[in-house]
Amino acid sequence: MAFRNTYKYHLKRGNKIIRSGITNDLDRREDEHQREHGEDVHIKKVGRATTRESAKDWEKGQKHGTP
């Protein structure tokens, strides 16, 4: 049985999406992005927690910087 422990997210600066990704820890991942891109970026969770496989499929379909 696959666990639904992975989150999909958009990394945003203001209202602009600068990256889409997946993680199992939104707070940790946001901290990592803020160290790399600056304190003015934030994560917006997309949908509910899902399986890692499903999240990877979603991530592949995302274009860099677009929903």
N, C-alpha and C. Protein backbone atom coordinates (compact mmCIF):
# COMPACT_ATOMS: atom_id res chain seq x y z
N MET A 1 0.84 -1.19 0.00
CA MET A 1 0.00 0.00 0.00
C MET A 1 0.88 1.25 0.00
N ALA A 2 0.60 2.17 -0.89
CA ALA A 2 1.37 3.41 -0.98
C ALA A 2 0.81 4.44 0.01
N PHE A 3 1.71 5.15 0.64
CA PHE A 3 1.32 6.17 1.61
C PHE A 3 1.15 7.52 0.92
N ARG A 4 0.18 8.27 1.38
CA ARG A 4 -0.05 9.62 0.85
C ARG A 4 0.67 10.60 1.78
N ASN A 5 1.98 10.71 1.56
CA ASN A 5 2.80 11.54 2.44
C ASN A 5 3.65 12.54 1.66
N THR A 6 3.27 12.80 0.42
CA THR A 6 4.03 13.72 -0.42
C THR A 6 3.13 14.87 -0.85
N TYR A 7 3.69 16.07 -0.79
CA TYR A 7 2.95 17.28 -1.14
C TYR A 7 3.47 17.86 -2.44
N LYS A 8 2.55 18.39 -3.25
CA LYS A 8 2.90 19.13 -4.45
C LYS A 8 2.87 20.61 -4.06
N TYR A 9 3.75 21.39 -4.66
CA TYR A 9 3.77 22.81 -4.30
C TYR A 9 4.25 23.67 -5.46
N HIS A 10 3.92 24.95 -5.37
CA HIS A 10 4.48 25.97 -6.25
C HIS A 10 5.31 26.88 -5.35
N LEU A 11 6.51 27.18 -5.79
CA LEU A 11 7.34 28.18 -5.12
C LEU A 11 7.02 29.51 -5.78
N LYS A 12 6.64 30.49 -4.97
CA LYS A 12 6.19 31.75 -5.51
C LYS A 12 6.98 32.92 -4.95
N ARG A 13 7.13 33.92 -5.77
CA ARG A 13 7.63 35.23 -5.35
C ARG A 13 6.51 36.19 -5.69
N GLY A 14 5.85 36.69 -4.65
CA GLY A 14 4.64 37.47 -4.88
C GLY A 14 3.58 36.54 -5.46
N ASN A 15 3.01 36.91 -6.59
CA ASN A 15 2.02 36.06 -7.26
C ASN A 15 2.61 35.23 -8.38
N LYS A 16 3.90 35.37 -8.64
CA LYS A 16 4.54 34.67 -9.75
C LYS A 16 5.10 33.32 -9.30
N ILE A 17 4.75 32.27 -10.01
CA ILE A 17 5.29 30.93 -9.75
C ILE A 17 6.67 30.87 -10.37
N ILE A 18 7.67 30.55 -9.55
CA ILE A 18 9.03 30.45 -10.09
C ILE A 18 9.51 29.00 -10.15
N ARG A 19 8.79 28.09 -9.52
CA ARG A 19 9.16 26.68 -9.54
C ARG A 19 8.01 25.85 -9.02
N SER A 20 7.90 24.63 -9.52
CA SER A 20 6.95 23.66 -8.99
C SER A 20 7.74 22.46 -8.51
N GLY A 21 7.26 21.82 -7.45
CA GLY A 21 8.01 20.68 -6.94
C GLY A 21 7.18 19.81 -6.02
N ILE A 22 7.85 18.81 -5.45
CA ILE A 22 7.22 17.90 -4.50
C ILE A 22 8.14 17.74 -3.29
N THR A 23 7.54 17.43 -2.14
CA THR A 23 8.30 17.24 -0.92
C THR A 23 7.45 16.49 0.10
N ASN A 24 8.10 15.93 1.09
CA ASN A 24 7.35 15.33 2.19
C ASN A 24 7.40 16.22 3.42
N ASP A 25 8.05 17.38 3.33
CA ASP A 25 8.15 18.31 4.45
C ASP A 25 8.14 19.74 3.89
N LEU A 26 6.97 20.35 3.88
CA LEU A 26 6.82 21.68 3.28
C LEU A 26 7.64 22.76 3.99
N ASP A 27 7.68 22.73 5.32
CA ASP A 27 8.42 23.75 6.07
C ASP A 27 9.92 23.67 5.78
N ARG A 28 10.47 22.46 5.80
CA ARG A 28 11.89 22.29 5.53
C ARG A 28 12.22 22.75 4.11
N ARG A 29 11.37 22.36 3.16
CA ARG A 29 11.63 22.71 1.76
C ARG A 29 11.53 24.21 1.54
N GLU A 30 10.59 24.86 2.20
CA GLU A 30 10.48 26.32 2.09
C GLU A 30 11.74 26.98 2.63
N ASP A 31 12.24 26.52 3.76
CA ASP A 31 13.49 27.06 4.32
C ASP A 31 14.65 26.90 3.34
N GLU A 32 14.74 25.73 2.70
CA GLU A 32 15.80 25.50 1.72
C GLU A 32 15.69 26.47 0.55
N HIS A 33 14.48 26.66 0.05
CA HIS A 33 14.28 27.58 -1.07
C HIS A 33 14.60 29.02 -0.66
N GLN A 34 14.25 29.40 0.56
CA GLN A 34 14.53 30.77 1.01
C GLN A 34 16.03 31.00 1.13
N ARG A 35 16.78 30.01 1.52
CA ARG A 35 18.24 30.16 1.57
C ARG A 35 18.82 30.32 0.16
N GLU A 36 18.22 29.64 -0.81
CA GLU A 36 18.72 29.69 -2.18
C GLU A 36 18.21 30.89 -2.97
N HIS A 37 16.92 31.24 -2.80
CA HIS A 37 16.28 32.26 -3.63
C HIS A 37 15.98 33.56 -2.89
N GLY A 38 16.16 33.60 -1.58
CA GLY A 38 15.86 34.81 -0.82
C GLY A 38 14.63 34.65 0.04
N GLU A 39 14.54 35.48 1.04
CA GLU A 39 13.46 35.40 2.03
C GLU A 39 12.08 35.75 1.46
N ASP A 40 12.04 36.36 0.27
CA ASP A 40 10.76 36.81 -0.27
C ASP A 40 10.01 35.72 -1.05
N VAL A 41 10.50 34.49 -1.05
CA VAL A 41 9.77 33.40 -1.71
C VAL A 41 8.98 32.61 -0.67
N HIS A 42 7.89 32.00 -1.13
CA HIS A 42 7.08 31.18 -0.24
C HIS A 42 6.49 30.01 -1.02
N ILE A 43 6.08 28.99 -0.28
CA ILE A 43 5.49 27.80 -0.89
C ILE A 43 3.98 27.86 -0.76
N LYS A 44 3.32 27.52 -1.86
CA LYS A 44 1.86 27.38 -1.87
C LYS A 44 1.56 25.91 -2.18
N LYS A 45 0.98 25.22 -1.20
CA LYS A 45 0.64 23.81 -1.37
C LYS A 45 -0.43 23.67 -2.44
N VAL A 46 -0.29 22.63 -3.28
CA VAL A 46 -1.25 22.35 -4.35
C VAL A 46 -1.98 21.06 -4.00
N GLY A 47 -3.25 21.15 -3.72
CA GLY A 47 -4.04 19.97 -3.41
C GLY A 47 -3.69 19.34 -2.07
N ARG A 48 -4.06 18.06 -1.95
CA ARG A 48 -3.83 17.30 -0.71
C ARG A 48 -2.57 16.46 -0.84
N ALA A 49 -2.18 15.87 0.28
CA ALA A 49 -1.06 14.93 0.26
C ALA A 49 -1.42 13.77 -0.66
N THR A 50 -0.42 13.27 -1.37
CA THR A 50 -0.63 12.20 -2.34
C THR A 50 0.51 11.19 -2.26
N THR A 51 0.47 10.18 -3.09
CA THR A 51 1.56 9.21 -3.11
C THR A 51 2.76 9.82 -3.82
N ARG A 52 3.94 9.32 -3.51
CA ARG A 52 5.17 9.82 -4.13
C ARG A 52 5.09 9.63 -5.65
N GLU A 53 4.61 8.48 -6.09
CA GLU A 53 4.51 8.19 -7.52
C GLU A 53 3.60 9.17 -8.23
N SER A 54 2.44 9.42 -7.65
CA SER A 54 1.49 10.36 -8.24
C SER A 54 2.08 11.78 -8.28
N ALA A 55 2.77 12.17 -7.21
CA ALA A 55 3.38 13.49 -7.14
C ALA A 55 4.48 13.64 -8.21
N LYS A 56 5.26 12.58 -8.42
CA LYS A 56 6.31 12.63 -9.45
C LYS A 56 5.70 12.79 -10.84
N ASP A 57 4.60 12.10 -11.10
CA ASP A 57 3.91 12.25 -12.38
C ASP A 57 3.43 13.68 -12.57
N TRP A 58 2.87 14.28 -11.52
CA TRP A 58 2.41 15.66 -11.59
C TRP A 58 3.60 16.59 -11.87
N GLU A 59 4.71 16.37 -11.17
CA GLU A 59 5.88 17.23 -11.30
C GLU A 59 6.43 17.18 -12.73
N LYS A 60 6.43 16.01 -13.34
CA LYS A 60 6.91 15.88 -14.72
C LYS A 60 6.07 16.72 -15.68
N GLY A 61 4.79 16.85 -15.38
CA GLY A 61 3.89 17.61 -16.26
C GLY A 61 3.97 19.11 -16.07
N GLN A 62 4.69 19.56 -15.07
CA GLN A 62 4.80 20.99 -14.80
C GLN A 62 5.91 21.59 -15.66
N LYS A 63 5.68 22.80 -16.14
CA LYS A 63 6.72 23.54 -16.84
C LYS A 63 7.37 24.47 -15.85
N HIS A 64 8.64 24.67 -15.96
CA HIS A 64 9.36 25.55 -15.03
C HIS A 64 8.72 26.93 -15.03
N GLY A 65 8.27 27.33 -13.85
CA GLY A 65 7.72 28.67 -13.71
C GLY A 65 6.26 28.82 -14.09
N THR A 66 5.56 27.71 -14.40
CA THR A 66 4.15 27.83 -14.74
C THR A 66 3.35 26.76 -14.03
N PRO A 67 2.08 27.00 -13.74
CA PRO A 67 1.26 25.99 -13.08
C PRO A 67 0.88 24.87 -14.02
